[in-house]
Amino acid sequence: MLLKNSRFLSLTFVVCLAISACAQKPAVNKAENEGWITSLDEAVALSKKSGKPIMANFTGSDWCGWCKRLTSAVFSKDEFKTWASKNVVLLELDFPRFKQLPTELRNQNQALQQQFQVGGFPTIWVFDAAQNKSTKQFEFTQLGRTGYKPTVAEFTTDVDQMIARRKK
């Protein structure tokens, strides 16, 4: 499911407004899913180094039933983990209700939720990102978004189609 005309839309994200004191990185926080990271800065660096796009999971890990189903049906499976290690950088953007995230991480996640206009969970966005060296702003190229899929094959087929549209 793509927003109209957003396939390769480049967006600018002002991190300095979302994360206090621009130079700070989000506090390290363990992702709910094994193999996922929580820092946009780290995800962008890994994406740049590996040449893989970022796959961001906007989730309510401790309250969202569909998020828990997606984790159980897809993200926890070895088949998915193998596919992901070859194809994407995994970024978890959590919006928990019962646990507290560090302030910097919560601010990062909320800013990205607004940037990508996420209104429901789970929402998975696949994108490329780069940081402008002079402005320190992130620029995003959206490849597509999806949500709950009941099987690894359905999920990865959907994301593979997004990646296939990617321009290198």
N, C-alpha and C. Protein backbone atom coordinates (compact mmCIF):
# COMPACT_ATOMS: atom_id res chain seq x y z
N MET A 1 0.84 -1.16 0.00
CA MET A 1 0.00 0.00 0.00
C MET A 1 0.90 1.24 0.00
N LEU A 2 0.88 1.96 -1.05
CA LEU A 2 1.69 3.18 -1.16
C LEU A 2 0.79 4.39 -1.16
N LEU A 3 1.26 5.45 -0.55
CA LEU A 3 0.56 6.71 -0.69
C LEU A 3 0.74 7.16 -2.13
N LYS A 4 -0.26 7.80 -2.67
CA LYS A 4 -0.21 8.27 -4.03
C LYS A 4 1.01 9.16 -4.23
N ASN A 5 1.75 8.90 -5.29
CA ASN A 5 2.92 9.69 -5.67
C ASN A 5 4.02 9.70 -4.62
N SER A 6 4.11 8.68 -3.77
CA SER A 6 5.16 8.71 -2.74
C SER A 6 6.23 7.65 -2.96
N ARG A 7 6.16 6.94 -4.07
CA ARG A 7 7.08 5.84 -4.30
C ARG A 7 8.52 6.27 -4.10
N PHE A 8 8.91 7.35 -4.70
CA PHE A 8 10.29 7.82 -4.54
C PHE A 8 10.33 9.25 -4.04
N LEU A 9 9.30 9.60 -3.28
CA LEU A 9 9.22 10.93 -2.73
C LEU A 9 10.30 11.13 -1.68
N SER A 10 11.07 12.14 -1.86
CA SER A 10 12.12 12.45 -0.89
C SER A 10 11.58 13.42 0.13
N LEU A 11 11.68 13.02 1.39
CA LEU A 11 11.17 13.84 2.47
C LEU A 11 12.32 14.32 3.35
N THR A 12 12.14 15.47 3.93
CA THR A 12 13.14 15.99 4.84
C THR A 12 12.61 15.92 6.26
N PHE A 13 13.43 15.47 7.15
CA PHE A 13 13.06 15.28 8.54
C PHE A 13 14.03 16.03 9.41
N VAL A 14 13.53 16.95 10.20
CA VAL A 14 14.40 17.77 11.03
C VAL A 14 14.57 17.08 12.38
N VAL A 15 15.67 16.37 12.50
CA VAL A 15 15.94 15.61 13.72
C VAL A 15 16.19 16.54 14.90
N CYS A 16 16.79 17.68 14.63
CA CYS A 16 17.13 18.61 15.72
C CYS A 16 15.89 19.02 16.51
N LEU A 17 14.74 19.10 15.87
CA LEU A 17 13.53 19.48 16.57
C LEU A 17 12.93 18.30 17.33
N ALA A 18 13.17 17.10 16.85
CA ALA A 18 12.57 15.92 17.45
C ALA A 18 13.40 15.35 18.59
N ILE A 19 14.68 15.50 18.49
CA ILE A 19 15.57 14.95 19.50
C ILE A 19 16.31 16.11 20.15
N SER A 20 16.25 16.17 21.44
CA SER A 20 16.85 17.31 22.13
C SER A 20 18.32 17.43 21.82
N ALA A 21 18.74 18.66 21.58
CA ALA A 21 20.15 19.03 21.38
C ALA A 21 20.82 18.29 20.25
N CYS A 22 20.25 18.21 19.14
CA CYS A 22 20.75 17.66 17.87
C CYS A 22 21.94 16.72 17.97
N ALA A 23 22.92 16.99 18.80
CA ALA A 23 24.12 16.16 18.88
C ALA A 23 23.87 14.88 19.67
N GLN A 24 22.81 14.83 20.47
CA GLN A 24 22.53 13.63 21.25
C GLN A 24 21.94 12.55 20.37
N LYS A 25 22.30 11.32 20.69
CA LYS A 25 21.69 10.19 20.01
C LYS A 25 20.65 9.60 20.95
N PRO A 26 19.64 8.93 20.41
CA PRO A 26 18.65 8.32 21.28
C PRO A 26 19.33 7.33 22.24
N ALA A 27 18.83 7.28 23.45
CA ALA A 27 19.38 6.34 24.42
C ALA A 27 19.23 4.92 23.90
N VAL A 28 20.20 4.11 24.22
CA VAL A 28 20.16 2.73 23.77
C VAL A 28 19.01 2.03 24.47
N ASN A 29 18.21 1.35 23.72
CA ASN A 29 17.08 0.62 24.25
C ASN A 29 16.99 -0.68 23.48
N LYS A 30 16.78 -1.76 24.17
CA LYS A 30 16.69 -3.06 23.53
C LYS A 30 15.36 -3.18 22.80
N ALA A 31 15.42 -3.56 21.54
CA ALA A 31 14.21 -3.77 20.74
C ALA A 31 13.47 -5.00 21.26
N GLU A 32 12.17 -5.01 21.07
CA GLU A 32 11.36 -6.16 21.47
C GLU A 32 11.69 -7.39 20.63
N ASN A 33 11.98 -7.17 19.35
CA ASN A 33 12.28 -8.29 18.45
C ASN A 33 13.78 -8.44 18.27
N GLU A 34 14.25 -9.65 18.36
CA GLU A 34 15.67 -9.96 18.18
C GLU A 34 16.14 -9.54 16.79
N GLY A 35 17.31 -8.90 16.73
CA GLY A 35 17.89 -8.50 15.46
C GLY A 35 17.47 -7.12 14.98
N TRP A 36 16.59 -6.47 15.73
CA TRP A 36 16.11 -5.13 15.38
C TRP A 36 16.87 -4.10 16.20
N ILE A 37 17.01 -2.90 15.66
CA ILE A 37 17.63 -1.80 16.39
C ILE A 37 16.60 -0.71 16.60
N THR A 38 16.88 0.22 17.53
CA THR A 38 15.91 1.25 17.86
C THR A 38 16.35 2.66 17.49
N SER A 39 17.59 2.83 17.07
CA SER A 39 18.13 4.15 16.76
C SER A 39 18.12 4.43 15.26
N LEU A 40 17.48 5.52 14.86
CA LEU A 40 17.48 5.91 13.45
C LEU A 40 18.91 6.18 12.98
N ASP A 41 19.71 6.84 13.80
CA ASP A 41 21.10 7.12 13.43
C ASP A 41 21.85 5.83 13.10
N GLU A 42 21.68 4.83 13.95
CA GLU A 42 22.34 3.55 13.74
C GLU A 42 21.80 2.86 12.48
N ALA A 43 20.49 2.91 12.29
CA ALA A 43 19.89 2.28 11.11
C ALA A 43 20.40 2.93 9.82
N VAL A 44 20.49 4.25 9.81
CA VAL A 44 20.97 4.95 8.62
C VAL A 44 22.43 4.58 8.35
N ALA A 45 23.24 4.53 9.40
CA ALA A 45 24.65 4.15 9.23
C ALA A 45 24.78 2.72 8.68
N LEU A 46 23.99 1.79 9.22
CA LEU A 46 24.03 0.40 8.73
C LEU A 46 23.52 0.30 7.29
N SER A 47 22.49 1.08 6.98
CA SER A 47 21.95 1.09 5.63
C SER A 47 22.99 1.59 4.63
N LYS A 48 23.66 2.66 5.01
CA LYS A 48 24.69 3.24 4.14
C LYS A 48 25.83 2.24 3.93
N LYS A 49 26.25 1.60 5.01
CA LYS A 49 27.36 0.65 4.95
C LYS A 49 26.99 -0.60 4.14
N SER A 50 25.79 -1.11 4.32
CA SER A 50 25.37 -2.36 3.69
C SER A 50 24.73 -2.18 2.32
N GLY A 51 24.21 -0.97 2.05
CA GLY A 51 23.48 -0.74 0.80
C GLY A 51 22.05 -1.24 0.84
N LYS A 52 21.57 -1.65 2.01
CA LYS A 52 20.21 -2.17 2.16
C LYS A 52 19.27 -1.04 2.61
N PRO A 53 18.00 -1.11 2.19
CA PRO A 53 17.04 -0.13 2.69
C PRO A 53 16.68 -0.43 4.15
N ILE A 54 16.06 0.54 4.79
CA ILE A 54 15.60 0.38 6.17
C ILE A 54 14.15 -0.08 6.14
N MET A 55 13.83 -1.06 6.98
CA MET A 55 12.45 -1.49 7.16
C MET A 55 12.07 -1.14 8.60
N ALA A 56 11.20 -0.15 8.75
CA ALA A 56 10.81 0.34 10.07
C ALA A 56 9.46 -0.23 10.47
N ASN A 57 9.44 -0.83 11.65
CA ASN A 57 8.23 -1.40 12.21
C ASN A 57 7.68 -0.45 13.27
N PHE A 58 6.60 0.25 12.94
CA PHE A 58 5.91 1.10 13.90
C PHE A 58 4.97 0.18 14.67
N THR A 59 5.22 -0.02 15.96
CA THR A 59 4.53 -1.04 16.72
C THR A 59 4.12 -0.55 18.11
N GLY A 60 3.13 -1.15 18.64
CA GLY A 60 2.76 -1.00 20.04
C GLY A 60 3.03 -2.35 20.68
N SER A 61 4.28 -2.61 20.99
CA SER A 61 4.73 -3.97 21.33
C SER A 61 4.04 -4.58 22.54
N ASP A 62 3.63 -3.77 23.49
CA ASP A 62 3.08 -4.36 24.71
C ASP A 62 1.55 -4.26 24.81
N TRP A 63 0.89 -3.78 23.76
CA TRP A 63 -0.56 -3.66 23.83
C TRP A 63 -1.28 -3.97 22.52
N CYS A 64 -0.62 -3.86 21.39
CA CYS A 64 -1.27 -4.00 20.09
C CYS A 64 -1.37 -5.48 19.69
N GLY A 65 -2.58 -5.97 19.62
CA GLY A 65 -2.80 -7.38 19.28
C GLY A 65 -2.27 -7.76 17.90
N TRP A 66 -2.51 -6.91 16.90
CA TRP A 66 -2.04 -7.20 15.54
C TRP A 66 -0.52 -7.15 15.46
N CYS A 67 0.09 -6.28 16.27
CA CYS A 67 1.56 -6.21 16.31
C CYS A 67 2.12 -7.52 16.88
N LYS A 68 1.50 -8.00 17.93
CA LYS A 68 1.94 -9.26 18.55
C LYS A 68 1.74 -10.42 17.57
N ARG A 69 0.65 -10.40 16.84
CA ARG A 69 0.40 -11.45 15.83
C ARG A 69 1.46 -11.42 14.73
N LEU A 70 1.81 -10.21 14.26
CA LEU A 70 2.83 -10.07 13.22
C LEU A 70 4.17 -10.60 13.72
N THR A 71 4.52 -10.27 14.95
CA THR A 71 5.76 -10.76 15.53
C THR A 71 5.75 -12.28 15.60
N SER A 72 4.65 -12.85 16.07
CA SER A 72 4.54 -14.31 16.20
C SER A 72 4.53 -15.02 14.85
N ALA A 73 3.78 -14.47 13.91
CA ALA A 73 3.61 -15.14 12.61
C ALA A 73 4.77 -14.91 11.65
N VAL A 74 5.47 -13.78 11.80
CA VAL A 74 6.48 -13.41 10.81
C VAL A 74 7.84 -13.13 11.45
N PHE A 75 7.94 -12.09 12.27
CA PHE A 75 9.23 -11.61 12.73
C PHE A 75 10.01 -12.61 13.58
N SER A 76 9.33 -13.51 14.26
CA SER A 76 10.02 -14.49 15.12
C SER A 76 10.49 -15.73 14.36
N LYS A 77 10.12 -15.84 13.11
CA LYS A 77 10.44 -17.04 12.32
C LYS A 77 11.84 -16.97 11.73
N ASP A 78 12.55 -18.09 11.74
CA ASP A 78 13.90 -18.17 11.18
C ASP A 78 13.91 -17.78 9.71
N GLU A 79 12.88 -18.17 8.97
CA GLU A 79 12.78 -17.84 7.55
C GLU A 79 12.81 -16.31 7.34
N PHE A 80 12.08 -15.59 8.19
CA PHE A 80 12.08 -14.13 8.10
C PHE A 80 13.45 -13.57 8.47
N LYS A 81 14.02 -14.06 9.55
CA LYS A 81 15.32 -13.56 10.02
C LYS A 81 16.39 -13.74 8.95
N THR A 82 16.37 -14.88 8.27
CA THR A 82 17.33 -15.13 7.19
C THR A 82 17.09 -14.15 6.04
N TRP A 83 15.84 -13.99 5.64
CA TRP A 83 15.50 -13.05 4.56
C TRP A 83 15.93 -11.64 4.94
N ALA A 84 15.59 -11.20 6.15
CA ALA A 84 15.89 -9.84 6.59
C ALA A 84 17.38 -9.56 6.60
N SER A 85 18.18 -10.51 7.06
CA SER A 85 19.62 -10.29 7.13
C SER A 85 20.23 -10.05 5.75
N LYS A 86 19.60 -10.56 4.72
CA LYS A 86 20.09 -10.39 3.35
C LYS A 86 19.52 -9.15 2.66
N ASN A 87 18.38 -8.64 3.14
CA ASN A 87 17.65 -7.64 2.36
C ASN A 87 17.40 -6.28 2.99
N VAL A 88 17.35 -6.16 4.31
CA VAL A 88 16.95 -4.91 4.95
C VAL A 88 17.69 -4.67 6.26
N VAL A 89 17.67 -3.43 6.69
CA VAL A 89 18.10 -3.05 8.04
C VAL A 89 16.81 -2.90 8.85
N LEU A 90 16.72 -3.59 9.98
CA LEU A 90 15.49 -3.62 10.77
C LEU A 90 15.49 -2.55 11.85
N LEU A 91 14.51 -1.65 11.79
CA LEU A 91 14.36 -0.56 12.75
C LEU A 91 13.02 -0.69 13.46
N GLU A 92 13.06 -0.82 14.78
CA GLU A 92 11.83 -0.92 15.56
C GLU A 92 11.51 0.44 16.18
N LEU A 93 10.32 0.93 15.90
CA LEU A 93 9.84 2.20 16.43
C LEU A 93 8.62 1.89 17.30
N ASP A 94 8.86 1.79 18.59
CA ASP A 94 7.86 1.27 19.53
C ASP A 94 7.09 2.40 20.20
N PHE A 95 5.81 2.13 20.43
CA PHE A 95 4.90 3.04 21.12
C PHE A 95 4.18 2.27 22.22
N PRO A 96 4.94 1.87 23.25
CA PRO A 96 4.36 1.04 24.31
C PRO A 96 3.45 1.85 25.24
N ARG A 97 2.57 1.16 25.91
CA ARG A 97 1.69 1.80 26.90
C ARG A 97 2.10 1.45 28.33
N PHE A 98 2.74 0.30 28.52
CA PHE A 98 3.01 -0.18 29.87
C PHE A 98 4.48 -0.12 30.26
N LYS A 99 5.35 0.20 29.35
CA LYS A 99 6.75 0.38 29.70
C LYS A 99 7.19 1.76 29.25
N GLN A 100 8.19 2.28 29.89
CA GLN A 100 8.67 3.63 29.61
C GLN A 100 9.90 3.58 28.72
N LEU A 101 9.89 4.31 27.62
CA LEU A 101 11.06 4.45 26.77
C LEU A 101 11.85 5.68 27.22
N PRO A 102 13.16 5.68 26.99
CA PRO A 102 13.94 6.90 27.25
C PRO A 102 13.35 8.06 26.44
N THR A 103 13.41 9.26 27.00
CA THR A 103 12.81 10.44 26.39
C THR A 103 13.28 10.65 24.96
N GLU A 104 14.59 10.54 24.72
CA GLU A 104 15.13 10.78 23.38
C GLU A 104 14.57 9.79 22.37
N LEU A 105 14.43 8.53 22.79
CA LEU A 105 13.90 7.50 21.91
C LEU A 105 12.41 7.73 21.64
N ARG A 106 11.67 8.07 22.68
CA ARG A 106 10.25 8.38 22.52
C ARG A 106 10.06 9.56 21.56
N ASN A 107 10.89 10.61 21.71
CA ASN A 107 10.81 11.76 20.81
C ASN A 107 11.14 11.37 19.38
N GLN A 108 12.19 10.57 19.19
CA GLN A 108 12.56 10.10 17.85
C GLN A 108 11.39 9.35 17.22
N ASN A 109 10.79 8.41 17.96
CA ASN A 109 9.70 7.59 17.43
C ASN A 109 8.48 8.44 17.08
N GLN A 110 8.15 9.39 17.93
CA GLN A 110 7.00 10.26 17.66
C GLN A 110 7.24 11.13 16.43
N ALA A 111 8.44 11.64 16.28
CA ALA A 111 8.76 12.47 15.11
C ALA A 111 8.67 11.65 13.83
N LEU A 112 9.16 10.42 13.87
CA LEU A 112 9.07 9.56 12.69
C LEU A 112 7.63 9.15 12.41
N GLN A 113 6.84 8.94 13.46
CA GLN A 113 5.42 8.64 13.27
C GLN A 113 4.73 9.78 12.54
N GLN A 114 5.04 11.01 12.90
CA GLN A 114 4.47 12.17 12.22
C GLN A 114 5.00 12.28 10.79
N GLN A 115 6.30 12.09 10.63
CA GLN A 115 6.93 12.20 9.31
C GLN A 115 6.30 11.23 8.31
N PHE A 116 6.07 10.00 8.77
CA PHE A 116 5.53 8.97 7.88
C PHE A 116 4.02 8.85 7.96
N GLN A 117 3.39 9.73 8.71
CA GLN A 117 1.93 9.79 8.84
C GLN A 117 1.33 8.44 9.23
N VAL A 118 1.89 7.86 10.27
CA VAL A 118 1.42 6.56 10.76
C VAL A 118 0.27 6.79 11.72
N GLY A 119 -0.88 6.21 11.39
CA GLY A 119 -2.06 6.37 12.23
C GLY A 119 -2.49 5.11 12.93
N GLY A 120 -1.95 3.97 12.54
CA GLY A 120 -2.33 2.71 13.15
C GLY A 120 -1.15 1.75 13.21
N PHE A 121 -1.31 0.74 14.04
CA PHE A 121 -0.24 -0.23 14.25
C PHE A 121 -0.74 -1.64 13.94
N PRO A 122 0.08 -2.51 13.43
CA PRO A 122 1.44 -2.24 12.97
C PRO A 122 1.44 -1.57 11.59
N THR A 123 2.38 -0.69 11.40
CA THR A 123 2.65 -0.12 10.08
C THR A 123 4.13 -0.31 9.83
N ILE A 124 4.45 -0.85 8.67
CA ILE A 124 5.84 -1.09 8.29
C ILE A 124 6.14 -0.25 7.08
N TRP A 125 7.15 0.61 7.21
CA TRP A 125 7.62 1.43 6.10
C TRP A 125 8.98 0.93 5.65
N VAL A 126 9.21 0.88 4.35
CA VAL A 126 10.51 0.56 3.78
C VAL A 126 10.99 1.83 3.09
N PHE A 127 12.23 2.23 3.39
CA PHE A 127 12.73 3.49 2.85
C PHE A 127 14.24 3.53 2.84
N ASP A 128 14.75 4.45 2.05
CA ASP A 128 16.17 4.79 2.08
C ASP A 128 16.28 6.11 2.82
N ALA A 129 17.41 6.31 3.50
CA ALA A 129 17.61 7.55 4.23
C ALA A 129 19.07 7.96 4.14
N ALA A 130 19.26 9.26 4.17
CA ALA A 130 20.61 9.82 4.20
C ALA A 130 20.55 11.08 5.03
N GLN A 131 21.66 11.39 5.67
CA GLN A 131 21.72 12.61 6.47
C GLN A 131 22.51 13.66 5.71
N ASN A 132 21.91 14.82 5.53
CA ASN A 132 22.58 15.94 4.89
C ASN A 132 23.68 16.42 5.82
N LYS A 133 24.91 16.44 5.33
CA LYS A 133 26.05 16.78 6.19
C LYS A 133 26.02 18.21 6.68
N SER A 134 25.53 19.13 5.88
CA SER A 134 25.54 20.53 6.30
C SER A 134 24.37 20.88 7.19
N THR A 135 23.19 20.34 6.94
CA THR A 135 22.01 20.69 7.74
C THR A 135 21.71 19.69 8.85
N LYS A 136 22.32 18.50 8.78
CA LYS A 136 22.09 17.42 9.76
C LYS A 136 20.66 16.89 9.70
N GLN A 137 19.95 17.17 8.63
CA GLN A 137 18.59 16.69 8.46
C GLN A 137 18.62 15.37 7.70
N PHE A 138 17.65 14.50 8.01
CA PHE A 138 17.52 13.25 7.27
C PHE A 138 16.62 13.48 6.07
N GLU A 139 16.97 12.85 4.97
CA GLU A 139 16.14 12.85 3.77
C GLU A 139 15.73 11.41 3.52
N PHE A 140 14.44 11.19 3.31
CA PHE A 140 13.90 9.86 3.13
C PHE A 140 13.37 9.67 1.72
N THR A 141 13.61 8.51 1.17
CA THR A 141 12.98 8.10 -0.07
C THR A 141 12.12 6.89 0.26
N GLN A 142 10.83 7.08 0.22
CA GLN A 142 9.89 6.03 0.60
C GLN A 142 9.77 5.00 -0.53
N LEU A 143 9.89 3.74 -0.15
CA LEU A 143 9.74 2.66 -1.11
C LEU A 143 8.37 2.00 -1.01
N GLY A 144 7.75 2.09 0.16
CA GLY A 144 6.41 1.54 0.34
C GLY A 144 6.12 1.23 1.78
N ARG A 145 4.86 0.89 2.03
CA ARG A 145 4.44 0.53 3.38
C ARG A 145 3.50 -0.66 3.31
N THR A 146 3.42 -1.34 4.43
CA THR A 146 2.54 -2.48 4.56
C THR A 146 2.11 -2.59 6.02
N GLY A 147 1.36 -3.61 6.30
CA GLY A 147 0.91 -3.87 7.67
C GLY A 147 0.97 -5.35 7.95
N TYR A 148 0.01 -5.83 8.71
CA TYR A 148 -0.02 -7.23 9.09
C TYR A 148 -0.18 -8.13 7.87
N LYS A 149 0.63 -9.15 7.81
CA LYS A 149 0.49 -10.24 6.84
C LYS A 149 0.58 -11.53 7.65
N PRO A 150 -0.23 -12.54 7.33
CA PRO A 150 -0.29 -13.74 8.18
C PRO A 150 0.88 -14.72 8.03
N THR A 151 1.67 -14.58 6.98
CA THR A 151 2.76 -15.53 6.78
C THR A 151 4.04 -14.80 6.38
N VAL A 152 5.15 -15.48 6.60
CA VAL A 152 6.45 -14.93 6.21
C VAL A 152 6.47 -14.71 4.69
N ALA A 153 5.98 -15.68 3.94
CA ALA A 153 6.02 -15.58 2.48
C ALA A 153 5.23 -14.38 1.97
N GLU A 154 4.04 -14.16 2.50
CA GLU A 154 3.24 -13.01 2.08
C GLU A 154 3.93 -11.70 2.45
N PHE A 155 4.47 -11.65 3.65
CA PHE A 155 5.13 -10.43 4.10
C PHE A 155 6.36 -10.12 3.26
N THR A 156 7.23 -11.10 3.10
CA THR A 156 8.49 -10.84 2.37
C THR A 156 8.24 -10.60 0.89
N THR A 157 7.23 -11.23 0.31
CA THR A 157 6.89 -10.97 -1.09
C THR A 157 6.47 -9.51 -1.27
N ASP A 158 5.67 -9.02 -0.34
CA ASP A 158 5.23 -7.63 -0.37
C ASP A 158 6.42 -6.68 -0.28
N VAL A 159 7.31 -6.92 0.67
CA VAL A 159 8.47 -6.05 0.85
C VAL A 159 9.45 -6.20 -0.31
N ASP A 160 9.61 -7.40 -0.84
CA ASP A 160 10.48 -7.59 -2.01
C ASP A 160 10.02 -6.74 -3.19
N GLN A 161 8.71 -6.60 -3.37
CA GLN A 161 8.19 -5.76 -4.44
C GLN A 161 8.55 -4.29 -4.22
N MET A 162 8.55 -3.87 -2.97
CA MET A 162 8.94 -2.48 -2.66
C MET A 162 10.42 -2.29 -2.98
N ILE A 163 11.23 -3.23 -2.57
CA ILE A 163 12.68 -3.13 -2.79
C ILE A 163 13.00 -3.15 -4.28
N ALA A 164 12.23 -3.90 -5.06
CA ALA A 164 12.46 -3.99 -6.50
C ALA A 164 12.26 -2.64 -7.19
N ARG A 165 11.45 -1.77 -6.60
CA ARG A 165 11.21 -0.43 -7.17
C ARG A 165 12.32 0.55 -6.81
N ARG A 166 13.24 0.11 -6.02
CA ARG A 166 14.31 0.98 -5.52
C ARG A 166 15.28 1.37 -6.63
N LYS A 167 15.64 2.63 -6.65
CA LYS A 167 16.65 3.10 -7.58
C LYS A 167 17.97 3.20 -6.85
N LYS A 168 18.99 2.65 -7.44
CA LYS A 168 20.31 2.72 -6.81
C LYS A 168 21.13 3.80 -7.43
